[in-house]
Amino acid sequence: MQTLIRVATLDDIDTLFAIRTSVVQNHLSREQMTDLGITPQVLADSIREAPCVWVAEVEGQPAAFSMVDLAAGEVFAMFVQPGFEGRGLGRRLMAVAEAALFERHDTLYLVTNGRDEIRANGFYQRLGWSKVNRVEGDDVRYEKRRVP
């Protein structure tokens, strides 16, 4: 299995939306993302600003992506398309995202749904992220500090 992690380009915007809307847990539709201010134009602006989105390809097929907010120190998105889970893509993408953020910040954060059945919580904890508090509704904030 040939896997490539690469910086996303403007040509990847539709792919990012396709991956994001394909997930089962923490699913959002294109309309829901638009309501949250996540639009193709916003993604394009972010990609133009700095390398902040990475795509994992398996045998040339986009399968997962991660996105960060470099200024805030936040892992903004980390999604693996069903059918490609369990192959280490999320772990590899998180390593790239964390490295980019740790160049600018000593403490990183992310916000996700904190319900027990959401697999992402165990994934983040296995990667050394610590749940620090609840934010809104079921959402929780995780943080990870740079190891000296």
N, C-alpha and C. Protein backbone atom coordinates (compact mmCIF):
# COMPACT_ATOMS: atom_id res chain seq x y z
N MET A 1 0.85 -1.18 0.00
CA MET A 1 0.00 0.00 0.00
C MET A 1 0.89 1.24 0.00
N GLN A 2 0.85 2.00 -1.08
CA GLN A 2 1.63 3.22 -1.17
C GLN A 2 0.81 4.38 -0.61
N THR A 3 1.36 5.04 0.41
CA THR A 3 0.68 6.16 1.04
C THR A 3 1.54 7.40 0.93
N LEU A 4 0.91 8.50 0.61
CA LEU A 4 1.58 9.78 0.46
C LEU A 4 0.84 10.82 1.30
N ILE A 5 1.59 11.60 2.07
CA ILE A 5 1.02 12.75 2.78
C ILE A 5 1.57 13.98 2.07
N ARG A 6 0.68 14.85 1.64
CA ARG A 6 1.12 16.04 0.89
C ARG A 6 0.31 17.26 1.31
N VAL A 7 0.84 18.43 1.03
CA VAL A 7 0.14 19.68 1.30
C VAL A 7 -1.01 19.80 0.30
N ALA A 8 -2.16 20.20 0.79
CA ALA A 8 -3.33 20.38 -0.08
C ALA A 8 -3.14 21.61 -0.97
N THR A 9 -3.77 21.54 -2.13
CA THR A 9 -3.79 22.66 -3.06
C THR A 9 -5.22 23.11 -3.28
N LEU A 10 -5.38 24.19 -4.02
CA LEU A 10 -6.72 24.67 -4.33
C LEU A 10 -7.53 23.62 -5.09
N ASP A 11 -6.85 22.77 -5.85
CA ASP A 11 -7.54 21.71 -6.59
C ASP A 11 -8.16 20.65 -5.67
N ASP A 12 -7.77 20.63 -4.39
CA ASP A 12 -8.25 19.63 -3.44
C ASP A 12 -9.52 20.04 -2.71
N ILE A 13 -10.02 21.23 -2.91
CA ILE A 13 -11.14 21.73 -2.09
C ILE A 13 -12.35 20.80 -2.18
N ASP A 14 -12.76 20.40 -3.37
CA ASP A 14 -13.91 19.49 -3.48
C ASP A 14 -13.63 18.16 -2.80
N THR A 15 -12.40 17.69 -2.89
CA THR A 15 -12.00 16.44 -2.24
C THR A 15 -12.11 16.55 -0.73
N LEU A 16 -11.69 17.68 -0.17
CA LEU A 16 -11.78 17.89 1.27
C LEU A 16 -13.24 17.83 1.73
N PHE A 17 -14.11 18.47 0.99
CA PHE A 17 -15.54 18.42 1.33
C PHE A 17 -16.08 17.00 1.18
N ALA A 18 -15.65 16.29 0.16
CA ALA A 18 -16.12 14.91 -0.05
C ALA A 18 -15.70 14.01 1.10
N ILE A 19 -14.46 14.14 1.55
CA ILE A 19 -13.99 13.34 2.69
C ILE A 19 -14.75 13.73 3.94
N ARG A 20 -14.88 15.03 4.19
CA ARG A 20 -15.54 15.50 5.41
C ARG A 20 -16.99 15.04 5.48
N THR A 21 -17.69 15.06 4.36
CA THR A 21 -19.10 14.67 4.38
C THR A 21 -19.29 13.16 4.32
N SER A 22 -18.21 12.40 4.14
CA SER A 22 -18.33 10.93 4.06
C SER A 22 -18.28 10.26 5.42
N VAL A 23 -17.80 10.97 6.44
CA VAL A 23 -17.62 10.32 7.74
C VAL A 23 -18.96 10.05 8.41
N VAL A 24 -18.98 9.01 9.23
CA VAL A 24 -20.21 8.62 9.91
C VAL A 24 -20.33 9.35 11.25
N GLN A 25 -19.28 9.29 12.06
CA GLN A 25 -19.31 9.99 13.35
C GLN A 25 -18.93 11.44 13.12
N ASN A 26 -19.60 12.33 13.83
CA ASN A 26 -19.35 13.77 13.71
C ASN A 26 -19.61 14.25 12.28
N HIS A 27 -20.60 13.65 11.64
CA HIS A 27 -20.95 13.99 10.25
C HIS A 27 -21.53 15.39 10.17
N LEU A 28 -21.15 16.10 9.12
CA LEU A 28 -21.77 17.37 8.76
C LEU A 28 -22.03 17.35 7.27
N SER A 29 -23.15 17.91 6.86
CA SER A 29 -23.45 18.06 5.44
C SER A 29 -22.78 19.34 4.93
N ARG A 30 -22.76 19.51 3.62
CA ARG A 30 -22.21 20.75 3.04
C ARG A 30 -23.00 21.95 3.56
N GLU A 31 -24.32 21.79 3.67
CA GLU A 31 -25.16 22.89 4.15
C GLU A 31 -24.82 23.24 5.60
N GLN A 32 -24.63 22.23 6.44
CA GLN A 32 -24.27 22.48 7.84
C GLN A 32 -22.91 23.16 7.93
N MET A 33 -21.97 22.75 7.09
CA MET A 33 -20.66 23.40 7.10
C MET A 33 -20.78 24.86 6.67
N THR A 34 -21.60 25.12 5.66
CA THR A 34 -21.81 26.50 5.22
C THR A 34 -22.39 27.33 6.36
N ASP A 35 -23.35 26.76 7.08
CA ASP A 35 -23.95 27.47 8.23
C ASP A 35 -22.90 27.79 9.29
N LEU A 36 -21.85 26.96 9.39
CA LEU A 36 -20.77 27.19 10.35
C LEU A 36 -19.66 28.08 9.78
N GLY A 37 -19.85 28.54 8.55
CA GLY A 37 -18.85 29.41 7.93
C GLY A 37 -17.73 28.67 7.22
N ILE A 38 -17.90 27.36 7.02
CA ILE A 38 -16.89 26.56 6.33
C ILE A 38 -17.34 26.41 4.88
N THR A 39 -16.75 27.24 4.03
CA THR A 39 -17.13 27.30 2.62
C THR A 39 -15.91 27.04 1.75
N PRO A 40 -16.13 26.74 0.48
CA PRO A 40 -14.98 26.59 -0.43
C PRO A 40 -14.09 27.83 -0.43
N GLN A 41 -14.68 29.01 -0.37
CA GLN A 41 -13.88 30.24 -0.37
C GLN A 41 -13.01 30.35 0.88
N VAL A 42 -13.56 29.99 2.03
CA VAL A 42 -12.79 30.03 3.28
C VAL A 42 -11.63 29.05 3.21
N LEU A 43 -11.89 27.83 2.70
CA LEU A 43 -10.80 26.86 2.55
C LEU A 43 -9.75 27.38 1.58
N ALA A 44 -10.18 27.95 0.47
CA ALA A 44 -9.23 28.48 -0.52
C ALA A 44 -8.36 29.58 0.10
N ASP A 45 -8.98 30.47 0.85
CA ASP A 45 -8.21 31.54 1.50
C ASP A 45 -7.19 30.97 2.47
N SER A 46 -7.58 29.96 3.23
CA SER A 46 -6.67 29.34 4.19
C SER A 46 -5.49 28.67 3.49
N ILE A 47 -5.79 27.95 2.41
CA ILE A 47 -4.74 27.24 1.66
C ILE A 47 -3.78 28.24 1.03
N ARG A 48 -4.29 29.37 0.53
CA ARG A 48 -3.43 30.40 -0.07
C ARG A 48 -2.53 31.06 0.98
N GLU A 49 -3.06 31.19 2.20
CA GLU A 49 -2.36 31.91 3.26
C GLU A 49 -1.10 31.19 3.72
N ALA A 50 -1.19 29.88 3.92
CA ALA A 50 -0.06 29.11 4.47
C ALA A 50 -0.35 27.63 4.30
N PRO A 51 0.70 26.81 4.33
CA PRO A 51 0.44 25.37 4.30
C PRO A 51 -0.23 24.95 5.61
N CYS A 52 -1.53 24.69 5.55
CA CYS A 52 -2.27 24.39 6.78
C CYS A 52 -3.20 23.19 6.61
N VAL A 53 -3.21 22.58 5.42
CA VAL A 53 -4.06 21.43 5.16
C VAL A 53 -3.20 20.36 4.47
N TRP A 54 -3.33 19.13 4.95
CA TRP A 54 -2.57 18.02 4.37
C TRP A 54 -3.54 16.92 3.98
N VAL A 55 -3.23 16.28 2.87
CA VAL A 55 -4.06 15.20 2.34
C VAL A 55 -3.25 13.91 2.38
N ALA A 56 -3.89 12.82 2.81
CA ALA A 56 -3.28 11.49 2.74
C ALA A 56 -3.89 10.79 1.55
N GLU A 57 -3.02 10.27 0.68
CA GLU A 57 -3.47 9.51 -0.48
C GLU A 57 -3.01 8.07 -0.34
N VAL A 58 -3.86 7.16 -0.71
CA VAL A 58 -3.54 5.73 -0.74
C VAL A 58 -3.64 5.29 -2.19
N GLU A 59 -2.54 4.83 -2.72
CA GLU A 59 -2.49 4.42 -4.13
C GLU A 59 -3.04 5.52 -5.04
N GLY A 60 -2.71 6.77 -4.71
CA GLY A 60 -3.12 7.90 -5.53
C GLY A 60 -4.52 8.42 -5.27
N GLN A 61 -5.25 7.77 -4.37
CA GLN A 61 -6.64 8.18 -4.08
C GLN A 61 -6.69 8.93 -2.75
N PRO A 62 -7.21 10.18 -2.74
CA PRO A 62 -7.35 10.92 -1.49
C PRO A 62 -8.22 10.14 -0.50
N ALA A 63 -7.73 10.00 0.73
CA ALA A 63 -8.42 9.16 1.71
C ALA A 63 -8.65 9.85 3.05
N ALA A 64 -7.90 10.91 3.35
CA ALA A 64 -7.99 11.56 4.65
C ALA A 64 -7.36 12.95 4.55
N PHE A 65 -7.68 13.80 5.53
CA PHE A 65 -7.01 15.10 5.58
C PHE A 65 -6.99 15.62 7.00
N SER A 66 -6.04 16.52 7.24
CA SER A 66 -6.00 17.27 8.49
C SER A 66 -5.84 18.74 8.13
N MET A 67 -6.34 19.60 9.02
CA MET A 67 -6.26 21.04 8.81
C MET A 67 -5.99 21.70 10.15
N VAL A 68 -5.13 22.71 10.14
CA VAL A 68 -4.82 23.43 11.36
C VAL A 68 -5.08 24.92 11.19
N ASP A 69 -5.24 25.59 12.31
CA ASP A 69 -5.25 27.05 12.37
C ASP A 69 -3.91 27.42 12.97
N LEU A 70 -2.97 27.83 12.11
CA LEU A 70 -1.60 28.10 12.56
C LEU A 70 -1.53 29.21 13.59
N ALA A 71 -2.34 30.25 13.41
CA ALA A 71 -2.29 31.38 14.33
C ALA A 71 -2.79 31.00 15.72
N ALA A 72 -3.85 30.20 15.78
CA ALA A 72 -4.47 29.85 17.07
C ALA A 72 -3.82 28.65 17.74
N GLY A 73 -3.09 27.84 16.98
CA GLY A 73 -2.52 26.62 17.55
C GLY A 73 -3.52 25.49 17.66
N GLU A 74 -4.49 25.48 16.74
CA GLU A 74 -5.59 24.51 16.80
C GLU A 74 -5.53 23.50 15.67
N VAL A 75 -5.75 22.23 16.01
CA VAL A 75 -6.04 21.23 14.99
C VAL A 75 -7.52 21.41 14.70
N PHE A 76 -7.81 21.93 13.53
CA PHE A 76 -9.17 22.32 13.18
C PHE A 76 -9.97 21.15 12.60
N ALA A 77 -9.29 20.25 11.90
CA ALA A 77 -10.00 19.12 11.28
C ALA A 77 -9.06 17.94 11.12
N MET A 78 -9.63 16.73 11.30
CA MET A 78 -8.86 15.49 11.11
C MET A 78 -9.89 14.43 10.76
N PHE A 79 -9.96 14.06 9.48
CA PHE A 79 -10.99 13.13 9.02
C PHE A 79 -10.41 12.09 8.09
N VAL A 80 -10.86 10.84 8.30
CA VAL A 80 -10.46 9.71 7.46
C VAL A 80 -11.73 9.15 6.83
N GLN A 81 -11.69 9.00 5.53
CA GLN A 81 -12.84 8.47 4.79
C GLN A 81 -13.10 7.02 5.19
N PRO A 82 -14.37 6.65 5.41
CA PRO A 82 -14.67 5.24 5.69
C PRO A 82 -14.08 4.36 4.59
N GLY A 83 -13.59 3.22 5.00
CA GLY A 83 -12.93 2.33 4.06
C GLY A 83 -11.42 2.47 4.11
N PHE A 84 -10.95 3.58 4.67
CA PHE A 84 -9.51 3.81 4.81
C PHE A 84 -9.10 3.90 6.28
N GLU A 85 -10.05 3.67 7.18
CA GLU A 85 -9.75 3.74 8.62
C GLU A 85 -8.87 2.56 9.02
N GLY A 86 -8.12 2.72 10.09
CA GLY A 86 -7.30 1.65 10.62
C GLY A 86 -6.01 1.41 9.85
N ARG A 87 -5.62 2.32 9.00
CA ARG A 87 -4.39 2.17 8.21
C ARG A 87 -3.27 3.11 8.67
N GLY A 88 -3.51 3.84 9.76
CA GLY A 88 -2.49 4.75 10.27
C GLY A 88 -2.48 6.11 9.62
N LEU A 89 -3.46 6.39 8.77
CA LEU A 89 -3.49 7.69 8.10
C LEU A 89 -3.71 8.83 9.08
N GLY A 90 -4.63 8.65 10.01
CA GLY A 90 -4.90 9.68 11.01
C GLY A 90 -3.67 9.96 11.85
N ARG A 91 -2.98 8.93 12.26
CA ARG A 91 -1.77 9.09 13.08
C ARG A 91 -0.70 9.88 12.31
N ARG A 92 -0.53 9.55 11.04
CA ARG A 92 0.48 10.24 10.23
C ARG A 92 0.08 11.69 9.98
N LEU A 93 -1.19 11.93 9.69
CA LEU A 93 -1.64 13.30 9.48
C LEU A 93 -1.53 14.14 10.75
N MET A 94 -1.85 13.54 11.89
CA MET A 94 -1.72 14.28 13.16
C MET A 94 -0.27 14.63 13.44
N ALA A 95 0.66 13.75 13.11
CA ALA A 95 2.08 14.04 13.32
C ALA A 95 2.51 15.26 12.50
N VAL A 96 2.05 15.34 11.26
CA VAL A 96 2.38 16.48 10.41
C VAL A 96 1.73 17.76 10.95
N ALA A 97 0.47 17.67 11.33
CA ALA A 97 -0.26 18.83 11.86
C ALA A 97 0.39 19.33 13.15
N GLU A 98 0.70 18.40 14.05
CA GLU A 98 1.31 18.79 15.31
C GLU A 98 2.68 19.44 15.08
N ALA A 99 3.47 18.89 14.18
CA ALA A 99 4.80 19.45 13.91
C ALA A 99 4.68 20.90 13.42
N ALA A 100 3.73 21.16 12.52
CA ALA A 100 3.53 22.52 12.02
C ALA A 100 3.11 23.47 13.14
N LEU A 101 2.23 23.00 14.01
CA LEU A 101 1.77 23.86 15.11
C LEU A 101 2.84 24.06 16.18
N PHE A 102 3.60 23.01 16.48
CA PHE A 102 4.64 23.15 17.51
C PHE A 102 5.78 24.07 17.06
N GLU A 103 5.88 24.38 15.78
CA GLU A 103 6.85 25.37 15.33
C GLU A 103 6.49 26.76 15.84
N ARG A 104 5.22 26.97 16.19
CA ARG A 104 4.72 28.29 16.58
C ARG A 104 4.15 28.35 17.99
N HIS A 105 3.82 27.18 18.57
CA HIS A 105 3.13 27.17 19.86
C HIS A 105 3.71 26.09 20.77
N ASP A 106 3.66 26.34 22.07
CA ASP A 106 4.07 25.33 23.06
C ASP A 106 2.91 24.43 23.46
N THR A 107 1.69 24.96 23.35
CA THR A 107 0.49 24.18 23.68
C THR A 107 -0.46 24.26 22.50
N LEU A 108 -0.94 23.09 22.09
CA LEU A 108 -1.89 22.98 20.99
C LEU A 108 -3.25 22.62 21.55
N TYR A 109 -4.29 22.84 20.77
CA TYR A 109 -5.61 22.42 21.22
C TYR A 109 -6.46 21.97 20.04
N LEU A 110 -7.52 21.27 20.39
CA LEU A 110 -8.55 20.88 19.43
C LEU A 110 -9.85 20.72 20.20
N VAL A 111 -10.95 20.84 19.49
CA VAL A 111 -12.28 20.69 20.08
C VAL A 111 -13.01 19.62 19.27
N THR A 112 -13.63 18.68 19.99
CA THR A 112 -14.38 17.62 19.33
C THR A 112 -15.56 17.22 20.20
N ASN A 113 -16.41 16.41 19.64
CA ASN A 113 -17.54 15.90 20.39
C ASN A 113 -17.01 14.97 21.48
N GLY A 114 -17.41 15.18 22.71
CA GLY A 114 -16.89 14.43 23.84
C GLY A 114 -17.69 13.21 24.24
N ARG A 115 -18.73 12.85 23.49
CA ARG A 115 -19.52 11.68 23.85
C ARG A 115 -18.65 10.43 23.81
N ASP A 116 -18.88 9.52 24.73
CA ASP A 116 -18.06 8.31 24.88
C ASP A 116 -17.99 7.47 23.61
N GLU A 117 -19.06 7.43 22.85
CA GLU A 117 -19.08 6.56 21.67
C GLU A 117 -18.29 7.15 20.48
N ILE A 118 -17.83 8.37 20.58
CA ILE A 118 -17.07 9.00 19.50
C ILE A 118 -15.62 8.50 19.57
N ARG A 119 -15.23 7.74 18.55
CA ARG A 119 -13.91 7.10 18.54
C ARG A 119 -12.76 8.09 18.55
N ALA A 120 -12.98 9.29 18.04
CA ALA A 120 -11.90 10.28 17.99
C ALA A 120 -11.32 10.55 19.37
N ASN A 121 -12.15 10.47 20.41
CA ASN A 121 -11.65 10.74 21.76
C ASN A 121 -10.54 9.77 22.16
N GLY A 122 -10.74 8.50 21.93
CA GLY A 122 -9.70 7.52 22.23
C GLY A 122 -8.47 7.72 21.37
N PHE A 123 -8.68 8.05 20.10
CA PHE A 123 -7.58 8.32 19.17
C PHE A 123 -6.71 9.45 19.70
N TYR A 124 -7.32 10.58 20.06
CA TYR A 124 -6.55 11.72 20.55
C TYR A 124 -5.83 11.37 21.85
N GLN A 125 -6.49 10.68 22.75
CA GLN A 125 -5.87 10.31 24.01
C GLN A 125 -4.67 9.39 23.79
N ARG A 126 -4.78 8.43 22.85
CA ARG A 126 -3.65 7.55 22.54
C ARG A 126 -2.46 8.31 21.98
N LEU A 127 -2.73 9.46 21.36
CA LEU A 127 -1.66 10.27 20.81
C LEU A 127 -1.12 11.30 21.81
N GLY A 128 -1.56 11.20 23.05
CA GLY A 128 -1.01 12.07 24.09
C GLY A 128 -1.76 13.35 24.35
N TRP A 129 -2.93 13.49 23.78
CA TRP A 129 -3.76 14.67 24.04
C TRP A 129 -4.53 14.47 25.34
N SER A 130 -4.70 15.55 26.09
CA SER A 130 -5.42 15.50 27.37
C SER A 130 -6.69 16.33 27.29
N LYS A 131 -7.78 15.71 27.76
CA LYS A 131 -9.06 16.43 27.83
C LYS A 131 -8.95 17.43 28.98
N VAL A 132 -9.20 18.72 28.68
CA VAL A 132 -9.05 19.73 29.72
C VAL A 132 -10.38 20.30 30.21
N ASN A 133 -11.39 20.38 29.33
CA ASN A 133 -12.69 20.87 29.81
C ASN A 133 -13.75 20.74 28.72
N ARG A 134 -15.00 20.92 29.14
CA ARG A 134 -16.13 20.97 28.20
C ARG A 134 -16.20 22.40 27.67
N VAL A 135 -16.68 22.51 26.42
CA VAL A 135 -16.83 23.85 25.87
C VAL A 135 -18.29 24.17 25.60
N GLU A 136 -18.91 23.59 24.59
CA GLU A 136 -20.33 23.83 24.31
C GLU A 136 -21.02 22.50 24.14
N GLY A 137 -22.19 22.37 24.70
CA GLY A 137 -22.96 21.13 24.53
C GLY A 137 -22.13 19.91 24.88
N ASP A 138 -21.97 19.00 23.92
CA ASP A 138 -21.19 17.78 24.13
C ASP A 138 -19.72 17.95 23.79
N ASP A 139 -19.32 19.12 23.30
CA ASP A 139 -17.94 19.30 22.86
C ASP A 139 -16.97 19.42 24.03
N VAL A 140 -15.75 18.93 23.78
CA VAL A 140 -14.68 19.01 24.78
C VAL A 140 -13.43 19.58 24.11
N ARG A 141 -12.60 20.17 24.94
CA ARG A 141 -11.32 20.72 24.49
C ARG A 141 -10.21 19.80 24.94
N TYR A 142 -9.34 19.45 24.01
CA TYR A 142 -8.13 18.69 24.29
C TYR A 142 -6.93 19.60 24.10
N GLU A 143 -5.87 19.33 24.87
CA GLU A 143 -4.63 20.07 24.69
C GLU A 143 -3.46 19.10 24.66
N LYS A 144 -2.41 19.53 24.01
CA LYS A 144 -1.17 18.77 23.98
C LYS A 144 -0.02 19.77 24.09
N ARG A 145 0.88 19.49 25.02
CA ARG A 145 2.01 20.38 25.25
C ARG A 145 3.27 19.82 24.62
N ARG A 146 4.12 20.74 24.20
CA ARG A 146 5.40 20.36 23.63
C ARG A 146 6.20 19.65 24.70
N VAL A 147 6.80 18.52 24.35
CA VAL A 147 7.65 17.78 25.27
C VAL A 147 9.06 18.32 25.12
N PRO A 148 9.64 18.78 26.26
CA PRO A 148 11.00 19.37 26.15
C PRO A 148 12.04 18.34 25.72
